[in-house]
């Protein structure tokens, strides 16, 4: 696991619990040796069942802001339910690592 993640994993886990995340993964450069000071951090998340769309949207934005502020860099959060493009899914699967759930 990348040091930027491992050194903040307790805070990250608190954020995921508070924002009703069931599972979370890292993917992209943060899981490879290509990660650098200019890289963003990519997350794939699955929300807990039973949330209304508006609630999910609010939780997503709040989680995004919390993670961006924690890392002081750009973060991308993709939800499992939004995955449609088979080419993107194939690329994501190459680097994804479970970090929560």
PDB file of N, CA and C in Angstrom:
ATOM      1  N   UNK A   1       0.846  -1.180   0.000  1.00  0.00           N
ATOM      2  CA  UNK A   1       0.000   0.000   0.000  1.00  0.00           C
ATOM      3  C   UNK A   1       0.891   1.243   0.000  1.00  0.00           C
ATOM      4  N   UNK A   2       0.500   2.215  -0.782  1.00  0.00           N
ATOM      5  CA  UNK A   2       1.248   3.465  -0.879  1.00  0.00           C
ATOM      6  C   UNK A   2       1.327   4.145   0.482  1.00  0.00           C
ATOM      7  N   UNK A   3       2.475   4.762   0.766  1.00  0.00           N
ATOM      8  CA  UNK A   3       2.700   5.392   2.075  1.00  0.00           C
ATOM      9  C   UNK A   3       1.689   6.498   2.376  1.00  0.00           C
ATOM     10  N   UNK A   4       1.294   7.267   1.372  1.00  0.00           N
ATOM     11  CA  UNK A   4       0.328   8.340   1.600  1.00  0.00           C
ATOM     12  C   UNK A   4      -1.007   7.775   2.100  1.00  0.00           C
ATOM     13  N   UNK A   5      -1.320   6.563   1.694  1.00  0.00           N
ATOM     14  CA  UNK A   5      -2.549   5.905   2.148  1.00  0.00           C
ATOM     15  C   UNK A   5      -2.322   5.247   3.502  1.00  0.00           C
ATOM     16  N   UNK A   6      -1.266   4.457   3.624  1.00  0.00           N
ATOM     17  CA  UNK A   6      -1.039   3.711   4.871  1.00  0.00           C
ATOM     18  C   UNK A   6      -0.866   4.632   6.068  1.00  0.00           C
ATOM     19  N   UNK A   7      -0.268   5.791   5.862  1.00  0.00           N
ATOM     20  CA  UNK A   7      -0.070   6.706   6.990  1.00  0.00           C
ATOM     21  C   UNK A   7      -1.354   7.426   7.401  1.00  0.00           C
ATOM     22  N   UNK A   8      -2.379   7.332   6.579  1.00  0.00           N
ATOM     23  CA  UNK A   8      -3.660   7.984   6.874  1.00  0.00           C
ATOM     24  C   UNK A   8      -4.827   7.006   6.951  1.00  0.00           C
ATOM     25  N   UNK A   9      -4.543   5.705   6.998  1.00  0.00           N
ATOM     26  CA  UNK A   9      -5.606   4.704   6.874  1.00  0.00           C
ATOM     27  C   UNK A   9      -6.652   4.810   7.982  1.00  0.00           C
ATOM     28  N   UNK A  10      -6.264   5.153   9.189  1.00  0.00           N
ATOM     29  CA  UNK A  10      -7.250   5.275  10.268  1.00  0.00           C
ATOM     30  C   UNK A  10      -8.247   6.395   9.976  1.00  0.00           C
ATOM     31  N   UNK A  11      -7.764   7.526   9.517  1.00  0.00           N
ATOM     32  CA  UNK A  11      -8.654   8.643   9.161  1.00  0.00           C
ATOM     33  C   UNK A  11      -9.531   8.271   7.973  1.00  0.00           C
ATOM     34  N   UNK A  12      -8.941   7.605   6.992  1.00  0.00           N
ATOM     35  CA  UNK A  12      -9.690   7.184   5.810  1.00  0.00           C
ATOM     36  C   UNK A  12     -10.831   6.261   6.219  1.00  0.00           C
ATOM     37  N   UNK A  13     -10.542   5.299   7.085  1.00  0.00           N
ATOM     38  CA  UNK A  13     -11.576   4.369   7.551  1.00  0.00           C
ATOM     39  C   UNK A  13     -12.698   5.096   8.282  1.00  0.00           C
ATOM     40  N   UNK A  14     -12.357   6.095   9.075  1.00  0.00           N
ATOM     41  CA  UNK A  14     -13.375   6.895   9.768  1.00  0.00           C
ATOM     42  C   UNK A  14     -14.249   7.614   8.742  1.00  0.00           C
ATOM     43  N   UNK A  15     -13.633   8.181   7.719  1.00  0.00           N
ATOM     44  CA  UNK A  15     -14.401   8.862   6.668  1.00  0.00           C
ATOM     45  C   UNK A  15     -15.349   7.886   5.974  1.00  0.00           C
ATOM     46  N   UNK A  16     -14.853   6.703   5.632  1.00  0.00           N
ATOM     47  CA  UNK A  16     -15.698   5.730   4.935  1.00  0.00           C
ATOM     48  C   UNK A  16     -16.881   5.304   5.800  1.00  0.00           C
ATOM     49  N   UNK A  17     -16.644   5.069   7.063  1.00  0.00           N
ATOM     50  CA  UNK A  17     -17.732   4.686   7.967  1.00  0.00           C
ATOM     51  C   UNK A  17     -18.746   5.822   8.082  1.00  0.00           C
ATOM     52  N   UNK A  18     -18.273   7.032   8.280  1.00  0.00           N
ATOM     53  CA  UNK A  18     -19.163   8.192   8.451  1.00  0.00           C
ATOM     54  C   UNK A  18     -19.981   8.484   7.194  1.00  0.00           C
ATOM     55  N   UNK A  19     -19.450   8.117   6.033  1.00  0.00           N
ATOM     56  CA  UNK A  19     -20.129   8.418   4.773  1.00  0.00           C
ATOM     57  C   UNK A  19     -20.831   7.194   4.177  1.00  0.00           C
ATOM     58  N   UNK A  20     -21.053   6.194   5.023  1.00  0.00           N
ATOM     59  CA  UNK A  20     -21.864   5.016   4.678  1.00  0.00           C
ATOM     60  C   UNK A  20     -21.326   4.240   3.472  1.00  0.00           C
ATOM     61  N   UNK A  21     -20.017   4.044   3.478  1.00  0.00           N
ATOM     62  CA  UNK A  21     -19.365   3.257   2.434  1.00  0.00           C
ATOM     63  C   UNK A  21     -19.286   1.806   2.897  1.00  0.00           C
ATOM     64  N   UNK A  22     -19.698   0.894   2.031  1.00  0.00           N
ATOM     65  CA  UNK A  22     -19.619  -0.539   2.339  1.00  0.00           C
ATOM     66  C   UNK A  22     -18.249  -1.107   1.974  1.00  0.00           C
ATOM     67  N   UNK A  23     -17.759  -0.737   0.792  1.00  0.00           N
ATOM     68  CA  UNK A  23     -16.443  -1.184   0.332  1.00  0.00           C
ATOM     69  C   UNK A  23     -15.762  -0.037  -0.390  1.00  0.00           C
ATOM     70  N   UNK A  24     -14.434  -0.011  -0.292  1.00  0.00           N
ATOM     71  CA  UNK A  24     -13.664   1.007  -1.008  1.00  0.00           C
ATOM     72  C   UNK A  24     -12.366   0.403  -1.526  1.00  0.00           C
ATOM     73  N   UNK A  25     -12.013   0.835  -2.704  1.00  0.00           N
ATOM     74  CA  UNK A  25     -10.797   0.378  -3.369  1.00  0.00           C
ATOM     75  C   UNK A  25      -9.984   1.587  -3.824  1.00  0.00           C
ATOM     76  N   UNK A  26      -8.703   1.400  -3.924  1.00  0.00           N
ATOM     77  CA  UNK A  26      -7.832   2.329  -4.635  1.00  0.00           C
ATOM     78  C   UNK A  26      -7.636   1.769  -6.030  1.00  0.00           C
ATOM     79  N   UNK A  27      -7.392   2.644  -6.991  1.00  0.00           N
ATOM     80  CA  UNK A  27      -6.998   2.179  -8.318  1.00  0.00           C
ATOM     81  C   UNK A  27      -6.177   3.274  -8.989  1.00  0.00           C
ATOM     82  N   UNK A  28      -5.568   2.923 -10.084  1.00  0.00           N
ATOM     83  CA  UNK A  28      -4.771   3.902 -10.820  1.00  0.00           C
ATOM     84  C   UNK A  28      -3.356   4.015 -10.295  1.00  0.00           C
ATOM     85  N   UNK A  29      -2.753   5.174 -10.528  1.00  0.00           N
ATOM     86  CA  UNK A  29      -1.321   5.347 -10.244  1.00  0.00           C
ATOM     87  C   UNK A  29      -0.966   5.185  -8.772  1.00  0.00           C
ATOM     88  N   UNK A  30      -1.902   5.472  -7.869  1.00  0.00           N
ATOM     89  CA  UNK A  30      -1.594   5.350  -6.435  1.00  0.00           C
ATOM     90  C   UNK A  30      -1.254   3.905  -6.050  1.00  0.00           C
ATOM     91  N   UNK A  31      -1.652   2.955  -6.868  1.00  0.00           N
ATOM     92  CA  UNK A  31      -1.352   1.548  -6.583  1.00  0.00           C
ATOM     93  C   UNK A  31      -0.131   1.050  -7.362  1.00  0.00           C
ATOM     94  N   UNK A  32       0.535   1.969  -8.050  1.00  0.00           N
ATOM     95  CA  UNK A  32       1.695   1.584  -8.863  1.00  0.00           C
ATOM     96  C   UNK A  32       2.917   2.424  -8.492  1.00  0.00           C
ATOM     97  N   UNK A  33       4.020   2.128  -9.140  1.00  0.00           N
ATOM     98  CA  UNK A  33       5.234   2.921  -8.911  1.00  0.00           C
ATOM     99  C   UNK A  33       5.245   4.204  -9.744  1.00  0.00           C
ATOM    100  N   UNK A  34       4.170   4.488 -10.451  1.00  0.00           N
ATOM    101  CA  UNK A  34       4.058   5.717 -11.248  1.00  0.00           C
ATOM    102  C   UNK A  34       3.485   6.881 -10.443  1.00  0.00           C
ATOM    103  N   UNK A  35       3.075   6.630  -9.210  1.00  0.00           N
ATOM    104  CA  UNK A  35       2.499   7.681  -8.368  1.00  0.00           C
ATOM    105  C   UNK A  35       3.565   8.710  -8.033  1.00  0.00           C
ATOM    106  N   UNK A  36       3.215  10.005  -8.143  1.00  0.00           N
ATOM    107  CA  UNK A  36       4.169  11.068  -7.823  1.00  0.00           C
ATOM    108  C   UNK A  36       3.450  12.243  -7.165  1.00  0.00           C
ATOM    109  N   UNK A  37       4.187  13.309  -6.886  1.00  0.00           N
ATOM    110  CA  UNK A  37       3.628  14.444  -6.146  1.00  0.00           C
ATOM    111  C   UNK A  37       2.506  15.149  -6.902  1.00  0.00           C
ATOM    112  N   UNK A  38       2.414  14.943  -8.205  1.00  0.00           N
ATOM    113  CA  UNK A  38       1.367  15.568  -9.010  1.00  0.00           C
ATOM    114  C   UNK A  38       0.182  14.644  -9.283  1.00  0.00           C
ATOM    115  N   UNK A  39       0.268  13.405  -8.841  1.00  0.00           N
ATOM    116  CA  UNK A  39      -0.788  12.428  -9.107  1.00  0.00           C
ATOM    117  C   UNK A  39      -2.014  12.684  -8.251  1.00  0.00           C
ATOM    118  N   UNK A  40      -3.166  12.370  -8.828  1.00  0.00           N
ATOM    119  CA  UNK A  40      -4.378  12.375  -8.021  1.00  0.00           C
ATOM    120  C   UNK A  40      -4.513  11.007  -7.353  1.00  0.00           C
ATOM    121  N   UNK A  41      -5.513  10.872  -6.508  1.00  0.00           N
ATOM    122  CA  UNK A  41      -5.774   9.591  -5.849  1.00  0.00           C
ATOM    123  C   UNK A  41      -7.159   9.138  -6.278  1.00  0.00           C
ATOM    124  N   UNK A  42      -7.233   7.937  -6.839  1.00  0.00           N
ATOM    125  CA  UNK A  42      -8.484   7.400  -7.363  1.00  0.00           C
ATOM    126  C   UNK A  42      -9.072   6.367  -6.411  1.00  0.00           C
ATOM    127  N   UNK A  43     -10.344   6.560  -6.085  1.00  0.00           N
ATOM    128  CA  UNK A  43     -11.080   5.649  -5.224  1.00  0.00           C
ATOM    129  C   UNK A  43     -12.282   5.096  -5.978  1.00  0.00           C
ATOM    130  N   UNK A  44     -12.576   3.841  -5.738  1.00  0.00           N
ATOM    131  CA  UNK A  44     -13.812   3.207  -6.186  1.00  0.00           C
ATOM    132  C   UNK A  44     -14.570   2.835  -4.928  1.00  0.00           C
ATOM    133  N   UNK A  45     -15.818   3.281  -4.805  1.00  0.00           N
ATOM    134  CA  UNK A  45     -16.577   3.013  -3.587  1.00  0.00           C
ATOM    135  C   UNK A  45     -17.918   2.370  -3.900  1.00  0.00           C
ATOM    136  N   UNK A  46     -18.398   1.624  -2.926  1.00  0.00           N
ATOM    137  CA  UNK A  46     -19.750   1.069  -2.965  1.00  0.00           C
ATOM    138  C   UNK A  46     -20.454   1.555  -1.709  1.00  0.00           C
ATOM    139  N   UNK A  47     -21.560   2.272  -1.900  1.00  0.00           N
ATOM    140  CA  UNK A  47     -22.338   2.746  -0.761  1.00  0.00           C
ATOM    141  C   UNK A  47     -23.142   1.605  -0.152  1.00  0.00           C
ATOM    142  N   UNK A  48     -23.459   1.749   1.120  1.00  0.00           N
ATOM    143  CA  UNK A  48     -24.330   0.789   1.786  1.00  0.00           C
ATOM    144  C   UNK A  48     -25.701   0.821   1.125  1.00  0.00           C
ATOM    145  N   UNK A  49     -26.411  -0.293   1.201  1.00  0.00           N
ATOM    146  CA  UNK A  49     -27.736  -0.416   0.592  1.00  0.00           C
ATOM    147  C   UNK A  49     -28.752   0.473   1.300  1.00  0.00           C
ATOM    148  N   UNK A  50     -29.799   0.831   0.571  1.00  0.00           N
ATOM    149  CA  UNK A  50     -30.925   1.532   1.159  1.00  0.00           C
ATOM    150  C   UNK A  50     -30.829   3.043   1.185  1.00  0.00           C
ATOM    151  N   UNK A  51     -29.790   3.603   0.596  1.00  0.00           N
ATOM    152  CA  UNK A  51     -29.645   5.059   0.579  1.00  0.00           C
ATOM    153  C   UNK A  51     -30.411   5.647  -0.602  1.00  0.00           C
ATOM    154  N   UNK A  52     -31.040   6.779  -0.372  1.00  0.00           N
ATOM    155  CA  UNK A  52     -31.742   7.478  -1.446  1.00  0.00           C
ATOM    156  C   UNK A  52     -30.716   8.211  -2.313  1.00  0.00           C
ATOM    157  N   UNK A  53     -31.038   8.432  -3.591  1.00  0.00           N
ATOM    158  CA  UNK A  53     -30.081   9.092  -4.489  1.00  0.00           C
ATOM    159  C   UNK A  53     -29.572  10.439  -3.975  1.00  0.00           C
ATOM    160  N   UNK A  54     -30.448  11.254  -3.434  1.00  0.00           N
ATOM    161  CA  UNK A  54     -30.028  12.557  -2.924  1.00  0.00           C
ATOM    162  C   UNK A  54     -29.054  12.402  -1.756  1.00  0.00           C
ATOM    163  N   UNK A  55     -29.329  11.425  -0.889  1.00  0.00           N
ATOM    164  CA  UNK A  55     -28.439  11.160   0.247  1.00  0.00           C
ATOM    165  C   UNK A  55     -27.070  10.688  -0.250  1.00  0.00           C
ATOM    166  N   UNK A  56     -27.067   9.798  -1.245  1.00  0.00           N
ATOM    167  CA  UNK A  56     -25.793   9.337  -1.816  1.00  0.00           C
ATOM    168  C   UNK A  56     -24.993  10.498  -2.386  1.00  0.00           C
ATOM    169  N   UNK A  57     -25.681  11.385  -3.079  1.00  0.00           N
ATOM    170  CA  UNK A  57     -25.000  12.535  -3.667  1.00  0.00           C
ATOM    171  C   UNK A  57     -24.356  13.419  -2.616  1.00  0.00           C
ATOM    172  N   UNK A  58     -25.089  13.676  -1.556  1.00  0.00           N
ATOM    173  CA  UNK A  58     -24.549  14.502  -0.474  1.00  0.00           C
ATOM    174  C   UNK A  58     -23.368  13.816   0.206  1.00  0.00           C
ATOM    175  N   UNK A  59     -23.513  12.517   0.462  1.00  0.00           N
ATOM    176  CA  UNK A  59     -22.422  11.759   1.078  1.00  0.00           C
ATOM    177  C   UNK A  59     -21.192  11.736   0.174  1.00  0.00           C
ATOM    178  N   UNK A  60     -21.412  11.575  -1.138  1.00  0.00           N
ATOM    179  CA  UNK A  60     -20.300  11.545  -2.095  1.00  0.00           C
ATOM    180  C   UNK A  60     -19.520  12.853  -2.039  1.00  0.00           C
ATOM    181  N   UNK A  61     -20.230  13.986  -2.114  1.00  0.00           N
ATOM    182  CA  UNK A  61     -19.551  15.289  -2.086  1.00  0.00           C
ATOM    183  C   UNK A  61     -18.806  15.510  -0.782  1.00  0.00           C
ATOM    184  N   UNK A  62     -19.436  15.164   0.327  1.00  0.00           N
ATOM    185  CA  UNK A  62     -18.774  15.343   1.624  1.00  0.00           C
ATOM    186  C   UNK A  62     -17.535  14.457   1.742  1.00  0.00           C
ATOM    187  N   UNK A  63     -17.632  13.216   1.269  1.00  0.00           N
ATOM    188  CA  UNK A  63     -16.476  12.315   1.279  1.00  0.00           C
ATOM    189  C   UNK A  63     -15.367  12.871   0.380  1.00  0.00           C
ATOM    190  N   UNK A  64     -15.734  13.317  -0.793  1.00  0.00           N
ATOM    191  CA  UNK A  64     -14.760  13.902  -1.720  1.00  0.00           C
ATOM    192  C   UNK A  64     -14.004  15.051  -1.058  1.00  0.00           C
ATOM    193  N   UNK A  65     -14.741  15.962  -0.447  1.00  0.00           N
ATOM    194  CA  UNK A  65     -14.105  17.116   0.190  1.00  0.00           C
ATOM    195  C   UNK A  65     -13.214  16.696   1.357  1.00  0.00           C
ATOM    196  N   UNK A  66     -13.664  15.715   2.136  1.00  0.00           N
ATOM    197  CA  UNK A  66     -12.867  15.234   3.273  1.00  0.00           C
ATOM    198  C   UNK A  66     -11.551  14.620   2.810  1.00  0.00           C
ATOM    199  N   UNK A  67     -11.612  13.787   1.772  1.00  0.00           N
ATOM    200  CA  UNK A  67     -10.400  13.140   1.263  1.00  0.00           C
ATOM    201  C   UNK A  67      -9.473  14.149   0.584  1.00  0.00           C
ATOM    202  N   UNK A  68     -10.040  15.070  -0.173  1.00  0.00           N
ATOM    203  CA  UNK A  68      -9.229  16.104  -0.825  1.00  0.00           C
ATOM    204  C   UNK A  68      -8.478  16.937   0.214  1.00  0.00           C
ATOM    205  N   UNK A  69      -9.181  17.300   1.280  1.00  0.00           N
ATOM    206  CA  UNK A  69      -8.548  18.101   2.328  1.00  0.00           C
ATOM    207  C   UNK A  69      -7.489  17.302   3.091  1.00  0.00           C
ATOM    208  N   UNK A  70      -7.756  16.020   3.327  1.00  0.00           N
ATOM    209  CA  UNK A  70      -6.797  15.173   4.031  1.00  0.00           C
ATOM    210  C   UNK A  70      -5.489  15.060   3.246  1.00  0.00           C
ATOM    211  N   UNK A  71      -5.591  14.801   1.958  1.00  0.00           N
ATOM    212  CA  UNK A  71      -4.400  14.565   1.139  1.00  0.00           C
ATOM    213  C   UNK A  71      -3.833  15.835   0.512  1.00  0.00           C
ATOM    214  N   UNK A  72      -4.608  16.891   0.540  1.00  0.00           N
ATOM    215  CA  UNK A  72      -4.199  18.159  -0.070  1.00  0.00           C
ATOM    216  C   UNK A  72      -3.808  17.955  -1.535  1.00  0.00           C
ATOM    217  N   UNK A  73      -4.630  17.192  -2.229  1.00  0.00           N
ATOM    218  CA  UNK A  73      -4.436  16.945  -3.655  1.00  0.00           C
ATOM    219  C   UNK A  73      -5.769  16.508  -4.253  1.00  0.00           C
ATOM    220  N   UNK A  74      -5.816  16.464  -5.564  1.00  0.00           N
ATOM    221  CA  UNK A  74      -7.036  16.070  -6.266  1.00  0.00           C
ATOM    222  C   UNK A  74      -7.354  14.603  -5.979  1.00  0.00           C
ATOM    223  N   UNK A  75      -8.624  14.329  -5.736  1.00  0.00           N
ATOM    224  CA  UNK A  75      -9.080  12.951  -5.597  1.00  0.00           C
ATOM    225  C   UNK A  75     -10.243  12.727  -6.558  1.00  0.00           C
ATOM    226  N   UNK A  76     -10.335  11.519  -7.056  1.00  0.00           N
ATOM    227  CA  UNK A  76     -11.467  11.105  -7.878  1.00  0.00           C
ATOM    228  C   UNK A  76     -12.158   9.964  -7.159  1.00  0.00           C
ATOM    229  N   UNK A  77     -13.477  10.040  -7.090  1.00  0.00           N
ATOM    230  CA  UNK A  77     -14.257   8.973  -6.469  1.00  0.00           C
ATOM    231  C   UNK A  77     -15.259   8.469  -7.494  1.00  0.00           C
ATOM    232  N   UNK A  78     -15.138   7.206  -7.845  1.00  0.00           N
ATOM    233  CA  UNK A  78     -16.053   6.545  -8.762  1.00  0.00           C
ATOM    234  C   UNK A  78     -16.911   5.598  -7.936  1.00  0.00           C
ATOM    235  N   UNK A  79     -18.206   5.575  -8.210  1.00  0.00           N
ATOM    236  CA  UNK A  79     -19.078   4.635  -7.503  1.00  0.00           C
ATOM    237  C   UNK A  79     -19.237   3.367  -8.342  1.00  0.00           C
ATOM    238  N   UNK A  80     -19.338   2.232  -7.670  1.00  0.00           N
ATOM    239  CA  UNK A  80     -19.523   0.966  -8.386  1.00  0.00           C
ATOM    240  C   UNK A  80     -20.760   1.013  -9.268  1.00  0.00           C
ATOM    241  N   UNK A  81     -21.820   1.639  -8.765  1.00  0.00           N
ATOM    242  CA  UNK A  81     -23.075   1.673  -9.520  1.00  0.00           C
ATOM    243  C   UNK A  81     -22.973   2.503 -10.800  1.00  0.00           C
ATOM    244  N   UNK A  82     -21.957   3.352 -10.911  1.00  0.00           N
ATOM    245  CA  UNK A  82     -21.806   4.183 -12.113  1.00  0.00           C
ATOM    246  C   UNK A  82     -20.945   3.520 -13.185  1.00  0.00           C
ATOM    247  N   UNK A  83     -20.328   2.403 -12.868  1.00  0.00           N
ATOM    248  CA  UNK A  83     -19.440   1.740 -13.830  1.00  0.00           C
ATOM    249  C   UNK A  83     -20.249   1.121 -14.965  1.00  0.00           C
ATOM    250  N   UNK A  84     -20.006   1.592 -16.170  1.00  0.00           N
ATOM    251  CA  UNK A  84     -20.720   1.080 -17.347  1.00  0.00           C
ATOM    252  C   UNK A  84     -19.758   0.720 -18.481  1.00  0.00           C
ATOM    253  N   UNK A  85     -18.714   1.509 -18.657  1.00  0.00           N
ATOM    254  CA  UNK A  85     -17.798   1.346 -19.776  1.00  0.00           C
ATOM    255  C   UNK A  85     -16.909   0.120 -19.564  1.00  0.00           C
ATOM    256  N   UNK A  86     -17.035  -0.899 -20.408  1.00  0.00           N
ATOM    257  CA  UNK A  86     -16.253  -2.126 -20.207  1.00  0.00           C
ATOM    258  C   UNK A  86     -14.743  -1.913 -20.321  1.00  0.00           C
ATOM    259  N   UNK A  87     -14.319  -0.947 -21.123  1.00  0.00           N
ATOM    260  CA  UNK A  87     -12.884  -0.678 -21.265  1.00  0.00           C
ATOM    261  C   UNK A  87     -12.327  -0.040 -19.996  1.00  0.00           C
ATOM    262  N   UNK A  88     -13.086   0.891 -19.430  1.00  0.00           N
ATOM    263  CA  UNK A  88     -12.668   1.519 -18.171  1.00  0.00           C
ATOM    264  C   UNK A  88     -12.642   0.482 -17.051  1.00  0.00           C
ATOM    265  N   UNK A  89     -13.658  -0.362 -16.999  1.00  0.00           N
ATOM    266  CA  UNK A  89     -13.729  -1.402 -15.967  1.00  0.00           C
ATOM    267  C   UNK A  89     -12.518  -2.327 -16.074  1.00  0.00           C
ATOM    268  N   UNK A  90     -12.163  -2.704 -17.295  1.00  0.00           N
ATOM    269  CA  UNK A  90     -11.014  -3.593 -17.501  1.00  0.00           C
ATOM    270  C   UNK A  90      -9.727  -2.946 -16.996  1.00  0.00           C
ATOM    271  N   UNK A  91      -9.526  -1.671 -17.290  1.00  0.00           N
ATOM    272  CA  UNK A  91      -8.334  -0.956 -16.821  1.00  0.00           C
ATOM    273  C   UNK A  91      -8.338  -0.807 -15.304  1.00  0.00           C
ATOM    274  N   UNK A  92      -9.486  -0.481 -14.751  1.00  0.00           N
ATOM    275  CA  UNK A  92      -9.624  -0.325 -13.300  1.00  0.00           C
ATOM    276  C   UNK A  92      -9.266  -1.632 -12.584  1.00  0.00           C
ATOM    277  N   UNK A  93      -9.733  -2.735 -13.124  1.00  0.00           N
ATOM    278  CA  UNK A  93      -9.493  -4.047 -12.513  1.00  0.00           C
ATOM    279  C   UNK A  93      -8.005  -4.398 -12.447  1.00  0.00           C
ATOM    280  N   UNK A  94      -7.209  -3.837 -13.334  1.00  0.00           N
ATOM    281  CA  UNK A  94      -5.775  -4.141 -13.357  1.00  0.00           C
ATOM    282  C   UNK A  94      -5.047  -3.615 -12.123  1.00  0.00           C
ATOM    283  N   UNK A  95      -5.544  -2.524 -11.543  1.00  0.00           N
ATOM    284  CA  UNK A  95      -4.809  -1.894 -10.440  1.00  0.00           C
ATOM    285  C   UNK A  95      -5.600  -1.811  -9.140  1.00  0.00           C
ATOM    286  N   UNK A  96      -6.869  -2.186  -9.130  1.00  0.00           N
ATOM    287  CA  UNK A  96      -7.679  -1.930  -7.934  1.00  0.00           C
ATOM    288  C   UNK A  96      -7.231  -2.777  -6.745  1.00  0.00           C
ATOM    289  N   UNK A  97      -7.244  -2.130  -5.572  1.00  0.00           N
ATOM    290  CA  UNK A  97      -6.859  -2.771  -4.308  1.00  0.00           C
ATOM    291  C   UNK A  97      -7.893  -2.425  -3.246  1.00  0.00           C
ATOM    292  N   UNK A  98      -8.435  -3.440  -2.604  1.00  0.00           N
ATOM    293  CA  UNK A  98      -9.401  -3.231  -1.524  1.00  0.00           C
ATOM    294  C   UNK A  98      -8.699  -2.586  -0.331  1.00  0.00           C
ATOM    295  N   UNK A  99      -9.274  -1.497   0.180  1.00  0.00           N
ATOM    296  CA  UNK A  99      -8.704  -0.858   1.374  1.00  0.00           C
ATOM    297  C   UNK A  99      -9.714  -0.738   2.507  1.00  0.00           C
ATOM    298  N   UNK A 100     -10.998  -1.041   2.225  1.00  0.00           N
ATOM    299  CA  UNK A 100     -12.025  -0.919   3.260  1.00  0.00           C
ATOM    300  C   UNK A 100     -13.182  -1.849   2.930  1.00  0.00           C
ATOM    301  N   UNK A 101     -13.651  -2.550   3.962  1.00  0.00           N
ATOM    302  CA  UNK A 101     -14.843  -3.379   3.805  1.00  0.00           C
ATOM    303  C   UNK A 101     -14.560  -4.837   3.589  1.00  0.00           C
TER     304      UNK A 101
END
